[in-house]
C-alpha cells in the first residue's frame, strides 16, 4: 500500500485550493463525484464570487456568531482577501471588483477558477482521483498514520485533511458524508441546517417577475402574530418563481420561520418614513402624470408597477389626480412595505451553505489541526462556520486551506 504524505478528502473549493498551494509532498486528493469543483462551478450564478474587498476586521463580522469569527481570525489574518486576489491574479486569472465590493474573475466564468486550481494542483504533482468516495478513515496508532478506505481501494497517509464541505447542494458531492468521517475519529458535529436559503411565499403573486431584483430594498421581518419586528436589513431582493431570495433574504434566512411576515420596499430605500414623504410629494406635484409612468420613472419594474396598480383596481392610464386619498395611502404603503407571508424555507438542495458542522472547540484555530487526533486537519465548510453571501464562504475556504498548506509544509 502506497504511503502518502497528505491525503485530501474532498475536491471542492478548500480541497482544490489546498492542493494548489501544497508542493514538495506526495499528495493525493480523493473526490467522491465524477469531477472536482462541482459546487464552485455554480457559485455566484456560475460567475464565482470568489472573495470581496473587506479588511479582516470587517470581513469577520459577516459570520454566524462571535465564536465563528474568533475561530477564523488567524486564518483570515494569515491569508486575507487582498492576498487571495493577488494569488489568483499572479497565477494568471484577471479579476474584477464590482461597485458593491464583490470580486469575480473578469471573464465571469466559474470554470476559469476551477481550471486554474486544477492546473496548479497538477503543477504541484498532486494526484487526483475522482469517483473515489471515502467511506472510512482510521488512525493506526502503531504506525502513527491514517488508513483511508473508498469502496474499492485503501490508502495510507501521515496527514489527512477533511475538505468535504457541508450538506448544501448534495448533488455536487457536498452531501454531509464528511461528518461521518469526522465522527469516526472522535469529533462532535453541531447539527447541520440549511443556511443562505431562499423562502417560499404564501399566495405568491409575482411568479412572472422571477429573476428580477430590487436594489437596496429595505426589508423588515416579523414573527407570526407579533407587531414588533425582530429584524431589519437593506440589500438586494430577488424575485423567484415561488418566493424571495437575494442577499437581503439569504443573509437573514437563519432567523426566518414559517408564518413570518416579510415587508419589503419595492424601490431602493434607506429610510421608510422619508420615502413615504418623497412619494407623497411626487404624486401631489404631478397630477396629470400617469401613475404607471411615474412609478417606472422612479425605478419600479414595469410589470410590477402594472400588478400593483391592478391590485388597487387602477389602470395604466390612471393619472395621479385620479388617485383618492385612501388609494394613495394604500399605494405608498405597498411601495414602502409590501407584505409577504413565508410558507417555508428551502432545504439543503437549494441552500448555498450549511450552518453546523465539526465543532470548533475541537479544532486548533491557529493551525486547523484536530485537538483530538494529531495529523488530522479540517478546511472550509465541513467546519461549523457559515458566512453571509458575497464571497465570504469561499474566502473562508481559501484562507483555512492556505493556513493548512503553510502548516504542513513547514
Protein backbone atom coordinates (compact mmCIF):
# COMPACT_ATOMS: atom_id res chain seq x y z
CA UNK A 1 0.00 0.00 0.00
CA UNK A 2 1.42 3.37 -1.07
CA UNK A 3 2.14 5.82 1.75
CA UNK A 4 1.19 9.43 1.01
CA UNK A 5 2.41 12.45 2.94
CA UNK A 6 -1.04 14.05 2.66
CA UNK A 7 -4.46 12.83 1.61
CA UNK A 8 -7.08 15.49 0.93
CA UNK A 9 -10.64 14.19 1.17
CA UNK A 10 -12.93 16.36 -0.95
CA UNK A 11 -12.29 18.26 -4.17
CA UNK A 12 -14.29 21.42 -3.57
CA UNK A 13 -13.02 24.97 -3.07
CA UNK A 14 -10.98 24.21 0.07
CA UNK A 15 -9.58 20.91 -1.18
CA UNK A 16 -8.56 22.32 -4.57
CA UNK A 17 -7.01 25.43 -3.05
CA UNK A 18 -5.04 23.28 -0.61
CA UNK A 19 -3.81 21.11 -3.49
CA UNK A 20 -2.90 24.22 -5.48
CA UNK A 21 -0.82 25.53 -2.57
CA UNK A 22 0.96 22.35 -1.43
CA UNK A 23 4.23 21.41 -3.07
CA UNK A 24 7.15 19.18 -2.21
CA UNK A 25 4.89 16.50 -0.74
CA UNK A 26 3.36 13.30 -2.03
CA UNK A 27 -0.31 14.37 -2.07
CA UNK A 28 -3.47 12.51 -3.08
CA UNK A 29 -6.84 14.22 -3.48
CA UNK A 30 -9.89 11.95 -3.32
CA UNK A 31 -13.17 13.25 -4.76
CA UNK A 32 -16.37 11.24 -4.48
CA UNK A 33 -18.09 12.58 -7.62
CA UNK A 34 -17.15 12.43 -11.29
CA UNK A 35 -15.21 15.71 -11.25
CA UNK A 36 -13.67 18.21 -8.85
CA UNK A 37 -15.07 21.70 -8.20
CA UNK A 38 -18.72 20.93 -8.93
CA UNK A 39 -20.08 23.31 -6.31
CA UNK A 40 -17.59 26.05 -7.23
CA UNK A 41 -18.94 25.89 -10.79
CA UNK A 42 -22.41 27.01 -9.66
CA UNK A 43 -21.40 29.68 -7.14
CA UNK A 44 -22.35 33.26 -7.89
CA UNK A 45 -24.77 32.13 -10.57
CA UNK A 46 -21.91 30.39 -12.38
CA UNK A 47 -19.76 33.53 -12.26
CA UNK A 48 -17.97 32.64 -8.98
CA UNK A 49 -17.94 35.47 -6.45
CA UNK A 50 -14.65 34.23 -5.03
CA UNK A 51 -13.95 36.98 -2.48
CA UNK A 52 -14.61 40.65 -1.70
CA UNK A 53 -12.72 43.82 -0.75
CA UNK A 54 -13.21 43.66 3.03
CA UNK A 55 -10.37 44.14 5.50
CA UNK A 56 -10.07 41.31 8.09
CA UNK A 57 -11.84 43.13 10.95
CA UNK A 58 -14.82 43.98 8.73
CA UNK A 59 -14.78 40.62 6.96
CA UNK A 60 -15.06 38.64 10.20
CA UNK A 61 -18.25 40.45 11.22
CA UNK A 62 -20.12 38.67 8.44
CA UNK A 63 -20.08 35.22 10.04
CA UNK A 64 -22.74 33.49 12.13
CA UNK A 65 -21.53 34.49 15.58
CA UNK A 66 -18.53 35.68 17.59
CA UNK A 67 -17.29 32.10 18.10
CA UNK A 68 -17.06 31.64 14.35
CA UNK A 69 -15.35 34.97 13.68
CA UNK A 70 -12.92 34.39 16.55
CA UNK A 71 -12.11 30.91 15.24
CA UNK A 72 -11.49 32.20 11.71
CA UNK A 73 -9.37 35.17 12.74
CA UNK A 74 -5.90 33.53 12.47
CA UNK A 75 -6.70 32.06 9.06
CA UNK A 76 -8.09 35.35 7.70
CA UNK A 77 -5.17 37.37 9.07
CA UNK A 78 -2.76 34.86 7.52
CA UNK A 79 -4.49 34.97 4.13
CA UNK A 80 -6.92 37.92 3.81
CA UNK A 81 -8.97 38.95 0.80
CA UNK A 82 -6.14 41.04 -0.64
CA UNK A 83 -3.81 38.02 -0.70
CA UNK A 84 -6.49 35.91 -2.34
CA UNK A 85 -6.85 38.45 -5.12
CA UNK A 86 -3.10 38.67 -5.55
CA UNK A 87 -2.79 34.87 -5.63
CA UNK A 88 -5.32 34.40 -8.42
CA UNK A 89 -4.05 37.33 -10.48
CA UNK A 90 -0.40 36.31 -10.09
CA UNK A 91 -1.35 32.83 -11.30
CA UNK A 92 -2.90 34.21 -14.47
CA UNK A 93 -6.56 34.88 -13.67
CA UNK A 94 -7.59 38.56 -14.04
CA UNK A 95 -10.23 39.65 -11.53
CA UNK A 96 -12.83 42.38 -11.47
CA UNK A 97 -14.35 44.18 -8.47
CA UNK A 98 -17.97 45.31 -8.63
CA UNK A 99 -19.21 48.54 -7.05
CA UNK A 100 -20.58 46.51 -4.12
CA UNK A 101 -17.09 45.16 -3.35
CA UNK A 102 -17.67 41.63 -4.65
CA UNK A 103 -14.79 40.15 -6.63
CA UNK A 104 -15.24 37.88 -9.67
CA UNK A 105 -12.99 36.51 -12.41
CA UNK A 106 -13.02 39.11 -15.18
CA UNK A 107 -14.37 36.51 -17.61
CA UNK A 108 -17.29 35.91 -15.19
CA UNK A 109 -16.81 32.17 -15.60
CA UNK A 110 -16.52 29.92 -12.55
CA UNK A 111 -14.91 27.30 -14.75
CA UNK A 112 -11.85 29.55 -15.10
CA UNK A 113 -11.37 29.37 -11.32
CA UNK A 114 -11.66 25.58 -11.23
CA UNK A 115 -9.38 25.19 -14.26
CA UNK A 116 -6.70 27.34 -12.63
CA UNK A 117 -6.84 25.41 -9.34
CA UNK A 118 -6.64 22.10 -11.19
CA UNK A 119 -3.69 23.37 -13.21
CA UNK A 120 -1.79 24.48 -10.10
CA UNK A 121 -2.54 21.20 -8.33
CA UNK A 122 -1.15 19.37 -11.34
CA UNK A 123 1.98 21.55 -11.29
CA UNK A 124 2.42 20.53 -7.66
CA UNK A 125 2.20 16.88 -8.76
CA UNK A 126 -0.93 16.27 -6.70
CA UNK A 127 -2.57 13.00 -7.68
CA UNK A 128 -6.31 13.48 -8.16
CA UNK A 129 -8.79 10.61 -8.16
CA UNK A 130 -12.48 11.15 -8.92
CA UNK A 131 -15.36 8.72 -8.26
CA UNK A 132 -13.40 7.80 -5.14
CA UNK A 133 -15.82 8.36 -2.27
CA UNK A 134 -14.17 7.84 1.10
CA UNK A 135 -16.27 5.66 3.41
CA UNK A 136 -13.81 5.03 6.23
CA UNK A 137 -10.90 6.74 7.99
CA UNK A 138 -8.99 5.09 10.84
CA UNK A 139 -5.97 6.12 12.86
CA UNK A 140 -3.33 3.40 13.14
CA UNK A 141 -1.58 4.27 16.38
CA UNK A 142 1.11 1.65 15.77
CA UNK A 143 2.40 3.28 12.59
CA UNK A 144 1.08 6.74 13.56
CA UNK A 145 -0.63 7.10 10.19
CA UNK A 146 -4.15 7.04 8.78
CA UNK A 147 -5.89 4.30 6.80
CA UNK A 148 -8.37 5.70 4.28
CA UNK A 149 -10.85 3.43 2.52
CA UNK A 150 -13.03 4.01 -0.53
CA UNK A 151 -15.46 1.42 -1.87
CA UNK A 152 -12.68 -0.10 -3.98
CA UNK A 153 -9.29 0.85 -2.55
CA UNK A 154 -7.34 1.59 0.61
CA UNK A 155 -4.69 4.25 1.12
CA UNK A 156 -2.25 5.32 3.82
CA UNK A 157 -1.22 8.83 4.81
CA UNK A 158 0.70 10.58 7.53
CA UNK A 159 -1.64 13.56 7.31
CA UNK A 160 -5.34 13.71 6.42
CA UNK A 161 -7.29 16.87 5.59
CA UNK A 162 -11.08 16.78 5.56
CA UNK A 163 -12.41 19.26 2.99
CA UNK A 164 -15.72 17.53 2.27
CA UNK A 165 -18.00 20.56 2.59
CA UNK A 166 -21.37 20.60 4.30
CA UNK A 167 -24.77 19.39 3.10
CA UNK A 168 -25.85 22.14 0.69
CA UNK A 169 -26.34 21.18 -2.97
CA UNK A 170 -25.74 17.47 -2.23
CA UNK A 171 -25.65 16.57 -5.94
CA UNK A 172 -22.31 18.40 -6.15
CA UNK A 173 -20.84 15.97 -3.59
CA UNK A 174 -21.49 18.22 -0.59
CA UNK A 175 -23.71 15.57 0.98
CA UNK A 176 -22.68 15.59 4.64
CA UNK A 177 -20.58 12.42 4.36
CA UNK A 178 -17.60 14.23 5.87
CA UNK A 179 -19.41 14.47 9.19
CA UNK A 180 -19.47 10.67 9.46
CA UNK A 181 -15.72 10.56 8.79
CA UNK A 182 -15.09 13.19 11.47
CA UNK A 183 -17.19 11.18 13.92
CA UNK A 184 -15.12 8.06 13.18
CA UNK A 185 -12.14 9.98 14.50
CA UNK A 186 -13.92 11.14 17.66
CA UNK A 187 -15.18 14.56 16.62
CA UNK A 188 -18.52 16.11 17.57
CA UNK A 189 -20.87 17.57 14.96
CA UNK A 190 -23.02 20.65 15.51
CA UNK A 191 -26.39 19.70 14.00
CA UNK A 192 -26.43 20.88 10.34
CA UNK A 193 -29.20 23.08 8.93
CA UNK A 194 -29.65 24.94 5.61
CA UNK A 195 -28.18 28.45 5.53
CA UNK A 196 -28.25 31.24 2.94
CA UNK A 197 -31.54 29.87 1.67
CA UNK A 198 -34.47 31.39 -0.22
CA UNK A 199 -38.04 31.42 1.13
CA UNK A 200 -41.36 30.42 -0.41
CA UNK A 201 -44.30 32.80 -0.09
CA UNK A 202 -48.00 32.10 0.51
CA UNK A 203 -50.31 33.20 -2.34
CA UNK A 204 -47.30 34.49 -4.25
CA UNK A 205 -48.33 36.95 -6.98
CA UNK A 206 -45.00 37.62 -8.69
CA UNK A 207 -44.06 34.36 -10.46
CA UNK A 208 -43.80 36.29 -13.74
CA UNK A 209 -41.10 38.50 -12.15
CA UNK A 210 -38.74 35.59 -11.40
CA UNK A 211 -35.15 36.68 -11.99
CA UNK A 212 -35.84 40.38 -11.46
CA UNK A 213 -34.41 42.15 -8.44
CA UNK A 214 -34.77 45.35 -6.42
CA UNK A 215 -31.54 47.06 -5.44
CA UNK A 216 -31.20 48.23 -1.83
CA UNK A 217 -34.65 47.15 -0.66
CA UNK A 218 -35.44 47.97 2.97
CA UNK A 219 -36.81 44.74 4.48
CA UNK A 220 -38.47 44.25 7.86
CA UNK A 221 -39.01 40.83 9.45
CA UNK A 222 -41.91 39.97 11.78
CA UNK A 223 -42.66 36.68 13.51
CA UNK A 224 -46.22 35.43 13.14
CA UNK A 225 -48.76 37.41 15.20
CA UNK A 226 -46.08 39.78 16.52
CA UNK A 227 -46.40 43.53 15.93
CA UNK A 228 -42.77 44.32 16.73
CA UNK A 229 -40.23 43.49 14.05
CA UNK A 230 -37.38 41.23 15.08
CA UNK A 231 -35.01 42.29 12.32
CA UNK A 232 -34.45 44.91 9.64
CA UNK A 233 -31.94 44.89 6.78
CA UNK A 234 -31.20 46.60 3.50
CA UNK A 235 -29.94 44.80 0.41
CA UNK A 236 -30.78 43.35 -2.97
CA UNK A 237 -34.11 41.48 -3.10
CA UNK A 238 -34.62 38.84 -5.80
CA UNK A 239 -37.98 37.52 -7.00
CA UNK A 240 -38.02 33.75 -7.65
CA UNK A 241 -40.73 31.57 -9.20
CA UNK A 242 -42.33 30.95 -5.81
CA UNK A 243 -40.88 33.46 -3.35
CA UNK A 244 -37.95 35.65 -2.39
CA UNK A 245 -34.18 35.40 -2.47
CA UNK A 246 -31.22 37.76 -2.90
CA UNK A 247 -28.65 38.78 -0.27
CA UNK A 248 -31.14 40.59 1.99
CA UNK A 249 -33.13 37.34 2.34
CA UNK A 250 -30.26 34.85 2.24
CA UNK A 251 -28.20 36.64 4.87
CA UNK A 252 -31.14 36.71 7.27
CA UNK A 253 -32.63 33.30 6.48
CA UNK A 254 -31.27 31.71 9.65
CA UNK A 255 -33.85 33.53 11.80
CA UNK A 256 -36.82 33.32 9.42
CA UNK A 257 -39.66 30.96 10.42
CA UNK A 258 -42.68 29.59 8.62
CA UNK A 259 -45.54 32.06 9.03
CA UNK A 260 -43.27 35.11 9.36
CA UNK A 261 -44.22 38.28 7.52
CA UNK A 262 -41.58 39.99 5.41
CA UNK A 263 -42.30 43.62 4.50
CA UNK A 264 -40.11 44.90 1.68
CA UNK A 265 -39.78 48.23 -0.09
CA UNK A 266 -40.26 47.81 -3.82
CA UNK A 267 -37.95 50.75 -4.52
CA UNK A 268 -34.43 51.42 -3.23
CA UNK A 269 -34.85 52.74 0.29
CA UNK A 270 -32.73 53.65 3.30
CA UNK A 271 -35.45 55.28 5.39
CA UNK A 272 -39.10 54.24 5.11
CA UNK A 273 -40.59 57.43 6.54
CA UNK A 274 -38.53 59.65 4.24
CA UNK A 275 -39.50 57.54 1.24
CA UNK A 276 -43.19 57.91 2.14
CA UNK A 277 -42.80 61.70 2.21
CA UNK A 278 -40.97 61.72 -1.13
CA UNK A 279 -43.64 59.55 -2.78
CA UNK A 280 -46.48 61.62 -1.33
CA UNK A 281 -44.96 64.85 -2.68
CA UNK A 282 -44.18 63.23 -6.03
CA UNK A 283 -47.79 62.16 -6.54
CA UNK A 284 -49.16 65.51 -5.33
CA UNK A 285 -46.84 67.54 -7.58
CA UNK A 286 -47.61 65.55 -10.76
CA UNK A 287 -51.44 65.47 -11.04
CA UNK A 288 -51.52 64.99 -14.83
CA UNK A 289 -48.87 62.29 -14.97
CA UNK A 290 -49.92 58.66 -15.35
CA UNK A 291 -49.19 56.65 -12.20
CA UNK A 292 -47.70 53.84 -14.27
CA UNK A 293 -45.22 56.19 -15.96
CA UNK A 294 -44.38 57.88 -12.66
CA UNK A 295 -43.66 54.56 -10.91
CA UNK A 296 -41.47 53.34 -13.78
CA UNK A 297 -39.63 56.63 -13.70
CA UNK A 298 -38.81 56.02 -10.04
CA UNK A 299 -37.25 52.67 -10.98
CA UNK A 300 -40.11 50.24 -10.37
CA UNK A 301 -40.07 47.17 -12.64
CA UNK A 302 -42.69 47.74 -15.35
CA UNK A 303 -44.62 44.52 -14.78
CA UNK A 304 -44.51 45.07 -11.01
CA UNK A 305 -45.91 48.58 -11.45
CA UNK A 306 -48.72 47.16 -13.55
CA UNK A 307 -49.55 44.48 -11.00
CA UNK A 308 -49.53 46.95 -8.11
CA UNK A 309 -52.00 49.22 -9.88
CA UNK A 310 -54.21 46.26 -10.75
CA UNK A 311 -54.27 45.17 -7.08
CA UNK A 312 -55.65 48.61 -6.22
CA UNK A 313 -58.26 48.49 -9.03
CA UNK A 314 -56.29 51.08 -11.02
CA UNK A 315 -55.22 51.00 -14.67
CA UNK A 316 -52.08 52.07 -16.55
CA UNK A 317 -53.99 55.09 -17.83
CA UNK A 318 -54.96 56.46 -14.41
CA UNK A 319 -53.25 59.73 -13.51
CA UNK A 320 -52.09 60.90 -10.11
CA UNK A 321 -55.15 63.17 -9.96
CA UNK A 322 -57.41 60.10 -10.22
CA UNK A 323 -55.93 58.73 -7.02
CA UNK A 324 -58.14 59.11 -3.95
CA UNK A 325 -56.51 59.92 -0.63
CA UNK A 326 -57.18 56.35 0.57
CA UNK A 327 -55.79 54.76 -2.61
CA UNK A 328 -52.71 56.97 -2.43
CA UNK A 329 -52.12 55.83 1.16
CA UNK A 330 -52.52 52.16 0.14
CA UNK A 331 -50.16 52.54 -2.83
CA UNK A 332 -47.43 54.19 -0.77
CA UNK A 333 -47.79 51.53 1.91
CA UNK A 334 -47.28 48.77 -0.67
CA UNK A 335 -44.30 50.57 -2.22
CA UNK A 336 -42.55 51.02 1.12
CA UNK A 337 -43.58 47.84 2.95
CA UNK A 338 -45.08 45.20 0.65
CA UNK A 339 -46.17 42.23 2.83
CA UNK A 340 -45.10 38.66 2.04
CA UNK A 341 -46.05 35.70 4.27
CA UNK A 342 -43.42 32.95 4.46
CA UNK A 343 -44.80 29.48 3.70
CA UNK A 344 -41.43 27.84 4.26
CA UNK A 345 -37.69 27.87 3.69
CA UNK A 346 -35.92 25.88 1.01
CA UNK A 347 -33.95 22.81 2.06
CA UNK A 348 -30.37 21.64 1.57
CA UNK A 349 -30.96 21.17 -2.17
CA UNK A 350 -31.30 24.95 -2.53
CA UNK A 351 -29.17 26.20 0.37
CA UNK A 352 -25.93 27.93 -0.58
CA UNK A 353 -24.12 26.82 2.58
CA UNK A 354 -24.61 24.73 5.69
CA UNK A 355 -24.92 26.00 9.24
CA UNK A 356 -23.34 23.48 11.62
CA UNK A 357 -20.51 21.02 11.17
CA UNK A 358 -17.38 19.93 13.01
CA UNK A 359 -17.37 21.56 16.45
CA UNK A 360 -14.90 24.44 16.53
CA UNK A 361 -13.74 23.87 20.11
CA UNK A 362 -12.21 20.56 18.96
CA UNK A 363 -10.01 22.23 16.33
CA UNK A 364 -6.95 24.44 16.85
CA UNK A 365 -7.81 27.74 15.16
CA UNK A 366 -4.12 28.62 14.68
CA UNK A 367 -3.43 25.52 12.58
CA UNK A 368 -6.81 23.93 11.68
CA UNK A 369 -5.45 20.72 13.22
CA UNK A 370 -7.66 18.46 15.31
CA UNK A 371 -7.15 18.74 19.05
CA UNK A 372 -8.11 15.06 19.27
CA UNK A 373 -6.02 13.48 16.50
CA UNK A 374 -2.53 14.62 15.52
CA UNK A 375 -2.14 14.90 11.78
CA UNK A 376 -5.86 15.45 11.11
CA UNK A 377 -6.88 18.84 9.69
CA UNK A 378 -10.13 20.50 8.59
CA UNK A 379 -10.79 23.21 5.98
CA UNK A 380 -13.83 25.02 4.70
CA UNK A 381 -17.49 24.31 5.15
CA UNK A 382 -17.11 20.94 6.90
CA UNK A 383 -16.40 23.10 9.96
CA UNK A 384 -19.16 24.84 11.90
CA UNK A 385 -18.68 28.13 10.05
CA UNK A 386 -21.15 29.91 7.78
CA UNK A 387 -20.84 33.42 6.44
CA UNK A 388 -23.09 35.76 4.53
CA UNK A 389 -23.35 35.72 0.75
CA UNK A 390 -20.85 37.90 -1.08
CA UNK A 391 -17.62 35.89 -1.24
CA UNK A 392 -17.33 35.24 2.50
CA UNK A 393 -17.65 31.46 2.43
CA UNK A 394 -15.28 30.91 -0.48
CA UNK A 395 -12.74 33.22 1.13
CA UNK A 396 -13.05 31.24 4.38
CA UNK A 397 -12.41 28.05 2.41
CA UNK A 398 -9.33 29.56 0.75
CA UNK A 399 -7.97 31.03 3.99
CA UNK A 400 -8.37 27.85 6.05
CA UNK A 401 -6.86 25.80 3.23
CA UNK A 402 -3.91 28.16 2.87
CA UNK A 403 -3.27 28.01 6.62
CA UNK A 404 -3.15 24.20 6.48
CA UNK A 405 -0.87 24.33 3.43
CA UNK A 406 1.52 26.62 5.30
CA UNK A 407 1.50 24.34 8.38
CA UNK A 408 2.03 21.00 6.64
CA UNK A 409 4.88 22.36 4.51
CA UNK A 410 6.94 23.58 7.47
